[in-house]
Protein backbone atom coordinates (compact mmCIF):
# COMPACT_ATOMS: atom_id res chain seq x y z
CA MET A 1 26.83 -20.32 -21.17
CA ALA A 2 23.96 -17.90 -20.54
CA GLU A 3 24.43 -14.95 -18.22
CA PRO A 4 22.11 -14.69 -15.22
CA ARG A 5 19.40 -12.11 -15.79
CA LYS A 6 19.41 -9.07 -13.57
CA LYS A 7 16.19 -8.32 -11.77
CA SER A 8 14.75 -5.27 -13.46
CA LEU A 9 13.73 -2.19 -11.53
CA ILE A 10 10.13 -0.97 -11.48
CA SER A 11 9.74 2.13 -13.62
CA HIS A 12 5.96 2.30 -13.32
CA GLY A 13 3.39 0.06 -11.69
CA THR A 14 2.95 -1.45 -8.24
CA ALA A 15 5.98 -1.50 -5.95
CA ALA A 16 4.27 -2.84 -2.80
CA GLN A 17 0.77 -4.00 -1.89
CA ASN A 18 -1.13 -4.45 1.33
CA ARG A 19 -3.08 -7.53 0.24
CA LYS A 20 -4.65 -8.16 3.63
CA ALA A 21 -6.18 -4.68 3.83
CA ARG A 22 -9.10 -5.48 1.51
CA PHE A 23 -9.78 -8.62 3.56
CA ASP A 24 -9.70 -6.84 6.94
CA TYR A 25 -11.47 -3.64 5.88
CA LYS A 26 -14.44 -2.70 3.71
CA ILE A 27 -12.87 0.05 1.58
CA THR A 28 -15.37 2.81 0.80
CA ASP A 29 -13.18 5.42 -0.92
CA THR A 30 -9.60 5.67 -2.22
CA TYR A 31 -7.17 8.57 -2.51
CA GLU A 32 -3.80 8.81 -4.25
CA ALA A 33 -1.14 10.73 -2.33
CA GLY A 34 2.44 11.68 -3.09
CA LEU A 35 5.15 10.29 -0.85
CA VAL A 36 8.17 12.18 0.52
CA LEU A 37 11.16 9.85 0.16
CA LEU A 38 14.94 9.95 0.29
CA GLY A 39 16.96 8.88 -2.76
CA PRO A 40 17.96 5.43 -1.45
CA GLU A 41 14.34 4.76 -0.43
CA VAL A 42 13.24 5.31 -4.04
CA LYS A 43 15.86 2.81 -5.21
CA SER A 44 14.64 0.21 -2.70
CA LEU A 45 11.05 0.80 -3.84
CA ARG A 46 12.03 0.40 -7.49
CA ALA A 47 13.64 -2.92 -6.56
CA GLY A 48 10.25 -3.99 -5.13
CA ARG A 49 11.54 -4.57 -1.62
CA ALA A 50 8.98 -2.57 0.41
CA ALA A 51 6.23 -3.96 2.68
CA LEU A 52 2.95 -2.40 3.78
CA ALA A 53 1.69 -5.28 5.93
CA ASP A 54 1.69 -3.41 9.26
CA ALA A 55 1.52 0.12 7.86
CA TRP A 56 -1.13 2.69 8.75
CA ALA A 57 -1.78 6.32 7.94
CA GLY A 58 -2.78 9.03 10.36
CA GLU A 59 -2.84 12.72 11.11
CA ARG A 60 0.03 14.55 12.82
CA ASP A 61 0.27 18.35 13.08
CA GLY A 62 -2.45 18.88 10.49
CA GLU A 63 -0.76 16.63 7.90
CA ILE A 64 -1.23 12.99 6.89
CA TRP A 65 1.70 10.65 7.55
CA LEU A 66 2.45 7.03 6.68
CA PHE A 67 3.59 5.09 9.75
CA ASN A 68 5.33 1.72 10.13
CA SER A 69 5.82 1.06 6.42
CA TYR A 70 8.97 -0.95 5.74
CA ILE A 71 11.37 0.25 3.06
CA PRO A 72 14.74 -1.47 3.60
CA GLU A 73 18.09 0.27 3.25
CA TRP A 74 19.60 0.29 -0.23
CA GLN A 75 22.50 -2.15 0.01
CA ALA A 76 24.55 -0.76 -2.87
CA GLY A 77 24.55 2.74 -1.39
CA SER A 78 27.30 4.61 0.40
CA PHE A 79 27.50 5.38 4.10
CA MET A 80 25.23 8.40 3.46
CA ALA A 81 22.46 6.07 2.27
CA LYS A 82 21.61 4.97 5.82
CA PHE A 83 18.07 5.68 6.99
CA GLU A 84 15.56 4.17 9.36
CA PRO A 85 13.51 1.54 7.45
CA ARG A 86 10.29 2.12 9.44
CA ARG A 87 10.45 5.91 9.81
CA PRO A 88 7.25 7.99 9.42
CA ARG A 89 6.91 9.36 5.88
CA LYS A 90 4.93 12.46 4.99
CA LEU A 91 2.14 12.12 2.44
CA LEU A 92 1.42 14.92 -0.02
CA LEU A 93 -2.27 15.75 -0.33
CA LYS A 94 -4.26 18.87 -1.09
CA LYS A 95 -5.56 20.78 1.92
CA LYS A 96 -9.18 19.91 1.09
CA GLN A 97 -8.30 16.19 0.90
CA VAL A 98 -6.51 16.37 4.28
CA GLU A 99 -9.59 17.99 5.84
CA THR A 100 -11.86 15.33 4.30
CA LEU A 101 -9.66 12.46 5.52
CA THR A 102 -9.18 13.81 9.05
CA GLY A 103 -12.94 14.40 9.33
CA ALA A 104 -13.67 10.87 8.15
CA VAL A 105 -11.13 9.32 10.54
CA ALA A 106 -12.62 11.29 13.44
CA ARG A 107 -15.86 9.33 12.95
CA ASP A 108 -16.21 6.00 14.70
CA GLY A 109 -14.99 2.86 12.94
CA VAL A 110 -13.30 4.55 9.96
CA THR A 111 -9.58 3.95 9.39
CA LEU A 112 -7.11 5.28 6.84
CA VAL A 113 -5.42 2.22 5.33
CA PRO A 114 -2.51 2.25 2.84
CA LEU A 115 -3.43 -0.15 0.03
CA GLU A 116 -0.39 0.04 -2.27
CA ILE A 117 2.69 2.00 -3.24
CA LEU A 118 3.02 2.53 -6.96
CA PHE A 119 4.95 4.50 -9.53
CA ASN A 120 2.78 6.53 -11.91
CA GLU A 121 3.47 7.00 -15.64
CA ARG A 122 5.93 9.80 -14.84
CA GLY A 123 7.85 7.54 -12.44
CA ILE A 124 6.73 9.34 -9.27
CA ALA A 125 6.05 7.29 -6.12
CA LYS A 126 2.44 7.43 -4.93
CA VAL A 127 0.50 5.78 -2.10
CA VAL A 128 -3.09 4.66 -2.58
CA LEU A 129 -4.98 5.24 0.66
CA GLY A 130 -8.36 3.72 1.40
CA LEU A 131 -11.01 4.82 3.86
CA GLY A 132 -12.02 1.55 5.44
CA GLU A 133 -14.45 0.26 8.00
CA GLY A 134 -13.26 -2.80 9.89
CA LYS A 135 -14.94 -6.11 9.10
CA ASN A 136 -16.07 -8.44 11.84
CA LYS A 137 -15.42 -12.20 11.80
CA ALA A 138 -18.77 -13.00 10.19
CA ASP A 139 -18.05 -10.63 7.28
CA LYS A 140 -14.64 -12.23 6.78
CA ARG A 141 -16.16 -15.73 6.80
CA HIS A 142 -18.74 -14.61 4.24
CA ALA A 143 -15.98 -13.23 2.00
CA ILE A 144 -14.05 -16.52 2.24
CA ALA A 145 -17.17 -18.53 1.43
CA ALA A 146 -17.97 -16.32 -1.58
CA ARG A 147 -14.40 -16.60 -2.87
CA ASP A 148 -14.45 -20.40 -2.47
CA TRP A 149 -17.78 -20.67 -4.28
CA GLN A 150 -16.48 -18.56 -7.21
CA ARG A 151 -13.43 -20.80 -7.48
CA ASP A 152 -15.53 -23.99 -7.36
CA LYS A 153 -18.01 -22.58 -9.87
CA ALA A 154 -15.19 -21.73 -12.29
CA ARG A 155 -13.76 -25.25 -11.84
CA LEU A 156 -17.15 -26.84 -12.57
CA MET A 157 -17.69 -24.71 -15.67
CA ARG A 158 -14.21 -25.59 -16.92
CA GLU A 159 -14.86 -29.33 -16.45
CA LYS A 160 -18.27 -29.23 -18.14
CA GLY A 161 -17.51 -27.11 -21.10
């Protein structure tokens, strides 16, 4: 009888993605920032249990923070492993990058959107932030139509050739 396989932990690669961000926003520039985490939060991220669906990044006291990201409590931890799953988490950026991002966000229509949480080659948790301008409904419809056409075109080419 075969043993059930354990779900492996993520040592490097994507831990969580905000898939709707690229649909809702036109991303103009991306930045990679470090993420201040507690030990049990890193374990939950490595298990791939985080969510960035409602997350956003913003400035507080001259620093950039990640708000409303969901990293659930690590179930196998002790009583000391308790933390708030949606607590604000500080992002580590160089001072020049913080100034650039806060200046860009101060302009109209530009938002700082977390795109994904990943582990780099050294196993360190990073957040990819995107400077995005919100899309209107017409832009979203155009993106859907273009995606559908690409899918139909690939299907036609596959059937013909």
